[in-house]
Structures are given as C-alpha cells and as structure tokens.
C-alpha cells in the first residue's frame, strides 16, 4: 500500500517575524540590543531621563530604518536610472 504525504512547499520562503523578513530580523534585534546597551550606559553614567530618551530614540529610529530598508528587498541592488553605453572594451559611459 502506497502512502502519500503532503509536501510542505514553504521551505524556500524567507523567515518572517513581526513583519520583518530574512536578514532584517537580525537588523531589528541588533538595534534593540544597541538601544538597550546605549540606554543603560547613558542611564548609569549621565542621567536616568536622558538614558530613557536615548533608549527610546535608538530603538525607534533603528526599527524605522530597518523597515524602510526592507522595502527595497532582501538583496541590496543598485538601480541606475541613467542610460549606460558599453564600448568595445566593456567600459561603461553614463549618459
């Protein structure tokens, strides 16, 4: 008797957590940790209120930066909007 098993076809998709995909999950975790460390150092060395502002600013700014970079895609690509002309030797002339 032959058994048929369902094949999970989502293995090639990037990991998604709270709206962040792939490598941007690690970027978000990095900004969270950096905000916690910078905020804790500022709280202990300067002032508690300034440390709280640094913590909130770093975390919020970092996550917003990560979200805007994610809109470009998982792979950073340079997008030239100019016309590229190749000569015989492979050099590019930008018009």
PDB file of N, CA and C in Angstrom:
ATOM      1  N   UNK A   1       0.838  -1.169   0.000  1.00  0.00           N
ATOM      2  CA  UNK A   1       0.000   0.000   0.000  1.00  0.00           C
ATOM      3  C   UNK A   1       0.896   1.250   0.000  1.00  0.00           C
ATOM      4  N   UNK A   2       0.642   2.170  -0.912  1.00  0.00           N
ATOM      5  CA  UNK A   2       1.437   3.388  -1.042  1.00  0.00           C
ATOM      6  C   UNK A   2       0.777   4.506  -0.240  1.00  0.00           C
ATOM      7  N   UNK A   3       1.579   5.151   0.580  1.00  0.00           N
ATOM      8  CA  UNK A   3       1.079   6.296   1.345  1.00  0.00           C
ATOM      9  C   UNK A   3       1.537   7.585   0.681  1.00  0.00           C
ATOM     10  N   UNK A   4       0.650   8.545   0.666  1.00  0.00           N
ATOM     11  CA  UNK A   4       1.003   9.855   0.124  1.00  0.00           C
ATOM     12  C   UNK A   4       1.129  10.840   1.275  1.00  0.00           C
ATOM     13  N   UNK A   5       2.234  11.585   1.265  1.00  0.00           N
ATOM     14  CA  UNK A   5       2.478  12.585   2.297  1.00  0.00           C
ATOM     15  C   UNK A   5       2.434  13.971   1.668  1.00  0.00           C
ATOM     16  N   UNK A   6       1.852  14.891   2.377  1.00  0.00           N
ATOM     17  CA  UNK A   6       1.808  16.275   1.885  1.00  0.00           C
ATOM     18  C   UNK A   6       3.204  16.872   1.994  1.00  0.00           C
ATOM     19  N   UNK A   7       3.605  17.567   0.973  1.00  0.00           N
ATOM     20  CA  UNK A   7       4.914  18.213   0.945  1.00  0.00           C
ATOM     21  C   UNK A   7       4.740  19.672   1.341  1.00  0.00           C
ATOM     22  N   UNK A   8       5.530  20.095   2.322  1.00  0.00           N
ATOM     23  CA  UNK A   8       5.487  21.491   2.757  1.00  0.00           C
ATOM     24  C   UNK A   8       6.274  22.329   1.766  1.00  0.00           C
ATOM     25  N   UNK A   9       5.598  23.220   1.061  1.00  0.00           N
ATOM     26  CA  UNK A   9       6.238  23.975  -0.009  1.00  0.00           C
ATOM     27  C   UNK A   9       6.705  25.355   0.420  1.00  0.00           C
ATOM     28  N   UNK A  10       6.665  25.657   1.708  1.00  0.00           N
ATOM     29  CA  UNK A  10       7.090  26.964   2.174  1.00  0.00           C
ATOM     30  C   UNK A  10       8.537  27.010   2.629  1.00  0.00           C
ATOM     31  N   UNK A  11       9.318  25.993   2.302  1.00  0.00           N
ATOM     32  CA  UNK A  11      10.695  25.930   2.776  1.00  0.00           C
ATOM     33  C   UNK A  11      11.608  26.941   2.095  1.00  0.00           C
ATOM     34  N   UNK A  12      11.293  27.370   0.907  1.00  0.00           N
ATOM     35  CA  UNK A  12      12.140  28.302   0.188  1.00  0.00           C
ATOM     36  C   UNK A  12      11.816  29.761   0.494  1.00  0.00           C
ATOM     37  N   UNK A  13      10.812  29.996   1.309  1.00  0.00           N
ATOM     38  CA  UNK A  13      10.427  31.362   1.645  1.00  0.00           C
ATOM     39  C   UNK A  13      11.274  31.870   2.803  1.00  0.00           C
ATOM     40  N   UNK A  14      11.547  33.187   2.859  1.00  0.00           N
ATOM     41  CA  UNK A  14      12.336  33.718   3.975  1.00  0.00           C
ATOM     42  C   UNK A  14      11.543  33.694   5.280  1.00  0.00           C
ATOM     43  N   UNK A  15      12.261  33.652   6.381  1.00  0.00           N
ATOM     44  CA  UNK A  15      11.663  33.661   7.701  1.00  0.00           C
ATOM     45  C   UNK A  15      11.011  35.016   7.956  1.00  0.00           C
ATOM     46  N   UNK A  16       9.810  35.033   8.526  1.00  0.00           N
ATOM     47  CA  UNK A  16       9.082  36.279   8.791  1.00  0.00           C
ATOM     48  C   UNK A  16       8.742  36.334  10.269  1.00  0.00           C
ATOM     49  N   UNK A  17       9.059  37.482  10.923  1.00  0.00           N
ATOM     50  CA  UNK A  17       8.722  37.687  12.328  1.00  0.00           C
ATOM     51  C   UNK A  17       8.307  39.135  12.523  1.00  0.00           C
ATOM     52  N   UNK A  18       7.065  39.343  12.943  1.00  0.00           N
ATOM     53  CA  UNK A  18       6.510  40.677  13.231  1.00  0.00           C
ATOM     54  C   UNK A  18       6.682  41.647  12.056  1.00  0.00           C
ATOM     55  N   UNK A  19       6.556  41.145  10.835  1.00  0.00           N
ATOM     56  CA  UNK A  19       6.648  41.992   9.652  1.00  0.00           C
ATOM     57  C   UNK A  19       8.050  42.121   9.087  1.00  0.00           C
ATOM     58  N   UNK A  20       9.057  41.675   9.802  1.00  0.00           N
ATOM     59  CA  UNK A  20      10.426  41.724   9.299  1.00  0.00           C
ATOM     60  C   UNK A  20      10.763  40.389   8.655  1.00  0.00           C
ATOM     61  N   UNK A  21      11.470  40.442   7.523  1.00  0.00           N
ATOM     62  CA  UNK A  21      11.780  39.234   6.767  1.00  0.00           C
ATOM     63  C   UNK A  21      13.285  39.008   6.702  1.00  0.00           C
ATOM     64  N   UNK A  22      13.681  37.760   6.752  1.00  0.00           N
ATOM     65  CA  UNK A  22      15.061  37.343   6.496  1.00  0.00           C
ATOM     66  C   UNK A  22      16.086  38.048   7.350  1.00  0.00           C
ATOM     67  N   UNK A  23      17.049  38.691   6.688  1.00  0.00           N
ATOM     68  CA  UNK A  23      18.158  39.333   7.390  1.00  0.00           C
ATOM     69  C   UNK A  23      17.713  40.536   8.200  1.00  0.00           C
ATOM     70  N   UNK A  24      16.557  41.101   7.895  1.00  0.00           N
ATOM     71  CA  UNK A  24      16.096  42.286   8.617  1.00  0.00           C
ATOM     72  C   UNK A  24      15.629  41.946  10.024  1.00  0.00           C
ATOM     73  N   UNK A  25      15.359  40.680  10.300  1.00  0.00           N
ATOM     74  CA  UNK A  25      15.071  40.254  11.671  1.00  0.00           C
ATOM     75  C   UNK A  25      16.316  40.489  12.526  1.00  0.00           C
ATOM     76  N   UNK A  26      17.483  40.139  11.996  1.00  0.00           N
ATOM     77  CA  UNK A  26      18.722  40.318  12.731  1.00  0.00           C
ATOM     78  C   UNK A  26      19.059  41.797  12.884  1.00  0.00           C
ATOM     79  N   UNK A  27      18.753  42.595  11.878  1.00  0.00           N
ATOM     80  CA  UNK A  27      18.955  44.041  11.987  1.00  0.00           C
ATOM     81  C   UNK A  27      18.111  44.603  13.123  1.00  0.00           C
ATOM     82  N   UNK A  28      16.843  44.178  13.196  1.00  0.00           N
ATOM     83  CA  UNK A  28      15.952  44.647  14.252  1.00  0.00           C
ATOM     84  C   UNK A  28      16.441  44.239  15.633  1.00  0.00           C
ATOM     85  N   UNK A  29      16.895  42.990  15.773  1.00  0.00           N
ATOM     86  CA  UNK A  29      17.438  42.527  17.051  1.00  0.00           C
ATOM     87  C   UNK A  29      18.687  43.324  17.413  1.00  0.00           C
ATOM     88  N   UNK A  30      19.513  43.618  16.432  1.00  0.00           N
ATOM     89  CA  UNK A  30      20.720  44.410  16.675  1.00  0.00           C
ATOM     90  C   UNK A  30      20.396  45.813  17.174  1.00  0.00           C
ATOM     91  N   UNK A  31      19.397  46.453  16.561  1.00  0.00           N
ATOM     92  CA  UNK A  31      19.016  47.795  17.011  1.00  0.00           C
ATOM     93  C   UNK A  31      18.380  47.754  18.398  1.00  0.00           C
ATOM     94  N   UNK A  32      17.628  46.710  18.704  1.00  0.00           N
ATOM     95  CA  UNK A  32      17.069  46.577  20.054  1.00  0.00           C
ATOM     96  C   UNK A  32      18.177  46.427  21.093  1.00  0.00           C
ATOM     97  N   UNK A  33      19.151  45.576  20.825  1.00  0.00           N
ATOM     98  CA  UNK A  33      20.255  45.383  21.760  1.00  0.00           C
ATOM     99  C   UNK A  33      21.119  46.631  21.887  1.00  0.00           C
ATOM    100  N   UNK A  34      21.381  47.298  20.756  1.00  0.00           N
ATOM    101  CA  UNK A  34      22.169  48.533  20.799  1.00  0.00           C
ATOM    102  C   UNK A  34      21.448  49.606  21.606  1.00  0.00           C
ATOM    103  N   UNK A  35      20.139  49.706  21.443  1.00  0.00           N
ATOM    104  CA  UNK A  35      19.372  50.679  22.215  1.00  0.00           C
ATOM    105  C   UNK A  35      19.407  50.381  23.699  1.00  0.00           C
ATOM    106  N   UNK A  36      19.279  49.097  24.049  1.00  0.00           N
ATOM    107  CA  UNK A  36      19.344  48.726  25.460  1.00  0.00           C
ATOM    108  C   UNK A  36      20.714  49.025  26.066  1.00  0.00           C
ATOM    109  N   UNK A  37      21.768  48.702  25.351  1.00  0.00           N
ATOM    110  CA  UNK A  37      23.119  48.944  25.865  1.00  0.00           C
ATOM    111  C   UNK A  37      23.412  50.435  25.972  1.00  0.00           C
ATOM    112  N   UNK A  38      23.114  51.195  24.904  1.00  0.00           N
ATOM    113  CA  UNK A  38      23.362  52.641  24.948  1.00  0.00           C
ATOM    114  C   UNK A  38      22.501  53.329  26.001  1.00  0.00           C
ATOM    115  N   UNK A  39      21.251  52.904  26.117  1.00  0.00           N
ATOM    116  CA  UNK A  39      20.372  53.483  27.125  1.00  0.00           C
ATOM    117  C   UNK A  39      20.844  53.180  28.531  1.00  0.00           C
ATOM    118  N   UNK A  40      21.290  51.945  28.778  1.00  0.00           N
ATOM    119  CA  UNK A  40      21.771  51.569  30.105  1.00  0.00           C
ATOM    120  C   UNK A  40      23.057  52.317  30.463  1.00  0.00           C
ATOM    121  N   UNK A  41      23.970  52.451  29.493  1.00  0.00           N
ATOM    122  CA  UNK A  41      25.197  53.198  29.747  1.00  0.00           C
ATOM    123  C   UNK A  41      24.909  54.672  30.037  1.00  0.00           C
ATOM    124  N   UNK A  42      23.997  55.256  29.271  1.00  0.00           N
ATOM    125  CA  UNK A  42      23.647  56.663  29.493  1.00  0.00           C
ATOM    126  C   UNK A  42      22.939  56.838  30.827  1.00  0.00           C
ATOM    127  N   UNK A  43      22.076  55.891  31.180  1.00  0.00           N
ATOM    128  CA  UNK A  43      21.393  55.972  32.476  1.00  0.00           C
ATOM    129  C   UNK A  43      22.376  55.887  33.633  1.00  0.00           C
ATOM    130  N   UNK A  44      23.373  55.017  33.516  1.00  0.00           N
ATOM    131  CA  UNK A  44      24.299  54.836  34.629  1.00  0.00           C
ATOM    132  C   UNK A  44      25.360  55.936  34.703  1.00  0.00           C
ATOM    133  N   UNK A  45      25.736  56.494  33.557  1.00  0.00           N
ATOM    134  CA  UNK A  45      26.820  57.482  33.562  1.00  0.00           C
ATOM    135  C   UNK A  45      26.338  58.925  33.601  1.00  0.00           C
ATOM    136  N   UNK A  46      25.194  59.241  32.979  1.00  0.00           N
ATOM    137  CA  UNK A  46      24.775  60.632  32.862  1.00  0.00           C
ATOM    138  C   UNK A  46      23.526  60.899  33.684  1.00  0.00           C
ATOM    139  N   UNK A  47      22.395  60.433  33.184  1.00  0.00           N
ATOM    140  CA  UNK A  47      21.121  60.777  33.805  1.00  0.00           C
ATOM    141  C   UNK A  47      20.095  59.712  33.412  1.00  0.00           C
ATOM    142  N   UNK A  48      19.172  59.427  34.311  1.00  0.00           N
ATOM    143  CA  UNK A  48      18.168  58.404  34.039  1.00  0.00           C
ATOM    144  C   UNK A  48      17.229  58.830  32.917  1.00  0.00           C
ATOM    145  N   UNK A  49      16.814  60.072  32.910  1.00  0.00           N
ATOM    146  CA  UNK A  49      15.859  60.544  31.902  1.00  0.00           C
ATOM    147  C   UNK A  49      16.512  60.641  30.522  1.00  0.00           C
ATOM    148  N   UNK A  50      17.743  61.095  30.483  1.00  0.00           N
ATOM    149  CA  UNK A  50      18.447  61.148  29.200  1.00  0.00           C
ATOM    150  C   UNK A  50      18.675  59.733  28.666  1.00  0.00           C
ATOM    151  N   UNK A  51      18.955  58.785  29.551  1.00  0.00           N
ATOM    152  CA  UNK A  51      19.122  57.392  29.141  1.00  0.00           C
ATOM    153  C   UNK A  51      17.850  56.817  28.562  1.00  0.00           C
ATOM    154  N   UNK A  52      16.711  57.179  29.161  1.00  0.00           N
ATOM    155  CA  UNK A  52      15.430  56.695  28.628  1.00  0.00           C
ATOM    156  C   UNK A  52      15.172  57.276  27.245  1.00  0.00           C
ATOM    157  N   UNK A  53      15.512  58.543  27.054  1.00  0.00           N
ATOM    158  CA  UNK A  53      15.332  59.174  25.733  1.00  0.00           C
ATOM    159  C   UNK A  53      16.250  58.516  24.709  1.00  0.00           C
ATOM    160  N   UNK A  54      17.495  58.242  25.096  1.00  0.00           N
ATOM    161  CA  UNK A  54      18.440  57.579  24.175  1.00  0.00           C
ATOM    162  C   UNK A  54      17.940  56.178  23.830  1.00  0.00           C
ATOM    163  N   UNK A  55      17.449  55.454  24.827  1.00  0.00           N
ATOM    164  CA  UNK A  55      16.944  54.101  24.593  1.00  0.00           C
ATOM    165  C   UNK A  55      15.774  54.113  23.622  1.00  0.00           C
ATOM    166  N   UNK A  56      14.787  54.948  23.879  1.00  0.00           N
ATOM    167  CA  UNK A  56      13.599  55.005  23.023  1.00  0.00           C
ATOM    168  C   UNK A  56      13.963  55.508  21.626  1.00  0.00           C
ATOM    169  N   UNK A  57      14.827  56.513  21.559  1.00  0.00           N
ATOM    170  CA  UNK A  57      15.225  57.056  20.258  1.00  0.00           C
ATOM    171  C   UNK A  57      16.001  56.063  19.416  1.00  0.00           C
ATOM    172  N   UNK A  58      16.912  55.332  20.051  1.00  0.00           N
ATOM    173  CA  UNK A  58      17.713  54.356  19.305  1.00  0.00           C
ATOM    174  C   UNK A  58      16.860  53.198  18.803  1.00  0.00           C
ATOM    175  N   UNK A  59      16.010  52.684  19.662  1.00  0.00           N
ATOM    176  CA  UNK A  59      15.169  51.550  19.264  1.00  0.00           C
ATOM    177  C   UNK A  59      14.175  51.964  18.185  1.00  0.00           C
ATOM    178  N   UNK A  60      13.492  53.090  18.385  1.00  0.00           N
ATOM    179  CA  UNK A  60      12.501  53.545  17.402  1.00  0.00           C
ATOM    180  C   UNK A  60      13.155  53.901  16.074  1.00  0.00           C
ATOM    181  N   UNK A  61      14.240  54.658  16.140  1.00  0.00           N
ATOM    182  CA  UNK A  61      14.939  55.037  14.914  1.00  0.00           C
ATOM    183  C   UNK A  61      15.502  53.839  14.167  1.00  0.00           C
ATOM    184  N   UNK A  62      16.076  52.901  14.905  1.00  0.00           N
ATOM    185  CA  UNK A  62      16.646  51.708  14.276  1.00  0.00           C
ATOM    186  C   UNK A  62      15.598  50.841  13.617  1.00  0.00           C
ATOM    187  N   UNK A  63      14.458  50.659  14.285  1.00  0.00           N
ATOM    188  CA  UNK A  63      13.402  49.838  13.685  1.00  0.00           C
ATOM    189  C   UNK A  63      12.759  50.531  12.485  1.00  0.00           C
ATOM    190  N   UNK A  64      12.623  51.849  12.542  1.00  0.00           N
ATOM    191  CA  UNK A  64      12.109  52.574  11.371  1.00  0.00           C
ATOM    192  C   UNK A  64      13.087  52.493  10.204  1.00  0.00           C
ATOM    193  N   UNK A  65      14.385  52.619  10.499  1.00  0.00           N
ATOM    194  CA  UNK A  65      15.401  52.492   9.454  1.00  0.00           C
ATOM    195  C   UNK A  65      15.361  51.094   8.833  1.00  0.00           C
ATOM    196  N   UNK A  66      15.229  50.073   9.676  1.00  0.00           N
ATOM    197  CA  UNK A  66      15.155  48.699   9.187  1.00  0.00           C
ATOM    198  C   UNK A  66      13.919  48.487   8.322  1.00  0.00           C
ATOM    199  N   UNK A  67      12.797  49.059   8.727  1.00  0.00           N
ATOM    200  CA  UNK A  67      11.561  48.899   7.955  1.00  0.00           C
ATOM    201  C   UNK A  67      11.675  49.586   6.595  1.00  0.00           C
ATOM    202  N   UNK A  68      12.328  50.756   6.537  1.00  0.00           N
ATOM    203  CA  UNK A  68      12.469  51.432   5.247  1.00  0.00           C
ATOM    204  C   UNK A  68      13.463  50.709   4.348  1.00  0.00           C
ATOM    205  N   UNK A  69      14.518  50.143   4.920  1.00  0.00           N
ATOM    206  CA  UNK A  69      15.471  49.387   4.107  1.00  0.00           C
ATOM    207  C   UNK A  69      14.860  48.087   3.591  1.00  0.00           C
ATOM    208  N   UNK A  70      13.912  47.531   4.325  1.00  0.00           N
ATOM    209  CA  UNK A  70      13.288  46.280   3.914  1.00  0.00           C
ATOM    210  C   UNK A  70      12.417  46.468   2.682  1.00  0.00           C
ATOM    211  N   UNK A  71      11.913  47.656   2.479  1.00  0.00           N
ATOM    212  CA  UNK A  71      11.065  47.903   1.301  1.00  0.00           C
ATOM    213  C   UNK A  71      11.836  47.737   0.008  1.00  0.00           C
ATOM    214  N   UNK A  72      13.165  47.875   0.046  1.00  0.00           N
ATOM    215  CA  UNK A  72      13.987  47.693  -1.144  1.00  0.00           C
ATOM    216  C   UNK A  72      14.184  46.240  -1.520  1.00  0.00           C
ATOM    217  N   UNK A  73      13.860  45.306  -0.635  1.00  0.00           N
ATOM    218  CA  UNK A  73      14.016  43.890  -0.919  1.00  0.00           C
ATOM    219  C   UNK A  73      15.078  43.266  -0.040  1.00  0.00           C
ATOM    220  N   UNK A  74      15.159  41.947  -0.076  1.00  0.00           N
ATOM    221  CA  UNK A  74      16.126  41.235   0.760  1.00  0.00           C
ATOM    222  C   UNK A  74      17.546  41.390   0.250  1.00  0.00           C
ATOM    223  N   UNK A  75      17.718  41.682  -1.021  1.00  0.00           N
ATOM    224  CA  UNK A  75      19.043  41.823  -1.611  1.00  0.00           C
ATOM    225  C   UNK A  75      19.209  43.253  -2.077  1.00  0.00           C
ATOM    226  N   UNK A  76      20.255  43.919  -1.589  1.00  0.00           N
ATOM    227  CA  UNK A  76      20.504  45.315  -1.967  1.00  0.00           C
ATOM    228  C   UNK A  76      20.933  45.362  -3.431  1.00  0.00           C
ATOM    229  N   UNK A  77      20.216  46.127  -4.199  1.00  0.00           N
ATOM    230  CA  UNK A  77      20.509  46.238  -5.624  1.00  0.00           C
ATOM    231  C   UNK A  77      20.700  47.709  -5.957  1.00  0.00           C
ATOM    232  N   UNK A  78      21.656  47.994  -6.810  1.00  0.00           N
ATOM    233  CA  UNK A  78      21.814  49.369  -7.265  1.00  0.00           C
ATOM    234  C   UNK A  78      20.950  49.558  -8.507  1.00  0.00           C
ATOM    235  N   UNK A  79      20.148  50.579  -8.478  1.00  0.00           N
ATOM    236  CA  UNK A  79      19.235  50.836  -9.590  1.00  0.00           C
ATOM    237  C   UNK A  79      19.647  52.121 -10.282  1.00  0.00           C
ATOM    238  N   UNK A  80      20.250  51.971 -11.455  1.00  0.00           N
ATOM    239  CA  UNK A  80      20.631  53.139 -12.238  1.00  0.00           C
ATOM    240  C   UNK A  80      19.452  53.587 -13.078  1.00  0.00           C
ATOM    241  N   UNK A  81      19.149  54.861 -12.998  1.00  0.00           N
ATOM    242  CA  UNK A  81      18.085  55.413 -13.826  1.00  0.00           C
ATOM    243  C   UNK A  81      18.654  56.113 -15.061  1.00  0.00           C
ATOM    244  N   UNK A  82      19.959  56.045 -15.227  1.00  0.00           N
ATOM    245  CA  UNK A  82      20.582  56.667 -16.381  1.00  0.00           C
ATOM    246  C   UNK A  82      20.783  55.631 -17.484  1.00  0.00           C
ATOM    247  N   UNK A  83      21.211  56.097 -18.627  1.00  0.00           N
ATOM    248  CA  UNK A  83      21.450  55.225 -19.775  1.00  0.00           C
ATOM    249  C   UNK A  83      22.924  54.829 -19.769  1.00  0.00           C
ATOM    250  N   UNK A  84      23.196  53.534 -19.781  1.00  0.00           N
ATOM    251  CA  UNK A  84      24.567  53.036 -19.794  1.00  0.00           C
ATOM    252  C   UNK A  84      24.914  52.575 -21.202  1.00  0.00           C
ATOM    253  N   UNK A  85      26.049  53.068 -21.704  1.00  0.00           N
ATOM    254  CA  UNK A  85      26.509  52.694 -23.035  1.00  0.00           C
ATOM    255  C   UNK A  85      27.820  51.941 -22.877  1.00  0.00           C
ATOM    256  N   UNK A  86      27.870  50.704 -23.381  1.00  0.00           N
ATOM    257  CA  UNK A  86      29.082  49.905 -23.306  1.00  0.00           C
ATOM    258  C   UNK A  86      29.865  50.066 -24.595  1.00  0.00           C
ATOM    259  N   UNK A  87      31.182  50.310 -24.464  1.00  0.00           N
ATOM    260  CA  UNK A  87      32.010  50.358 -25.664  1.00  0.00           C
ATOM    261  C   UNK A  87      32.599  48.972 -25.918  1.00  0.00           C
ATOM    262  N   UNK A  88      33.501  48.853 -26.850  1.00  0.00           N
ATOM    263  CA  UNK A  88      34.042  47.554 -27.236  1.00  0.00           C
ATOM    264  C   UNK A  88      34.851  46.899 -26.126  1.00  0.00           C
ATOM    265  N   UNK A  89      35.401  47.680 -25.219  1.00  0.00           N
ATOM    266  CA  UNK A  89      36.282  47.146 -24.195  1.00  0.00           C
ATOM    267  C   UNK A  89      35.548  46.876 -22.877  1.00  0.00           C
ATOM    268  N   UNK A  90      34.260  47.089 -22.820  1.00  0.00           N
ATOM    269  CA  UNK A  90      33.476  46.803 -21.622  1.00  0.00           C
ATOM    270  C   UNK A  90      33.352  47.959 -20.663  1.00  0.00           C
ATOM    271  N   UNK A  91      33.957  49.109 -20.981  1.00  0.00           N
ATOM    272  CA  UNK A  91      33.838  50.264 -20.081  1.00  0.00           C
ATOM    273  C   UNK A  91      32.469  50.883 -20.220  1.00  0.00           C
ATOM    274  N   UNK A  92      31.943  51.408 -19.127  1.00  0.00           N
ATOM    275  CA  UNK A  92      30.610  51.984 -19.127  1.00  0.00           C
ATOM    276  C   UNK A  92      30.683  53.494 -19.191  1.00  0.00           C
ATOM    277  N   UNK A  93      29.893  54.056 -20.080  1.00  0.00           N
ATOM    278  CA  UNK A  93      29.726  55.504 -20.147  1.00  0.00           C
ATOM    279  C   UNK A  93      28.325  55.833 -19.668  1.00  0.00           C
ATOM    280  N   UNK A  94      28.226  56.705 -18.666  1.00  0.00           N
ATOM    281  CA  UNK A  94      26.917  57.079 -18.139  1.00  0.00           C
ATOM    282  C   UNK A  94      26.473  58.363 -18.822  1.00  0.00           C
ATOM    283  N   UNK A  95      25.287  58.307 -19.410  1.00  0.00           N
ATOM    284  CA  UNK A  95      24.736  59.478 -20.105  1.00  0.00           C
ATOM    285  C   UNK A  95      23.684  60.118 -19.230  1.00  0.00           C
TER     286      UNK A  95
END
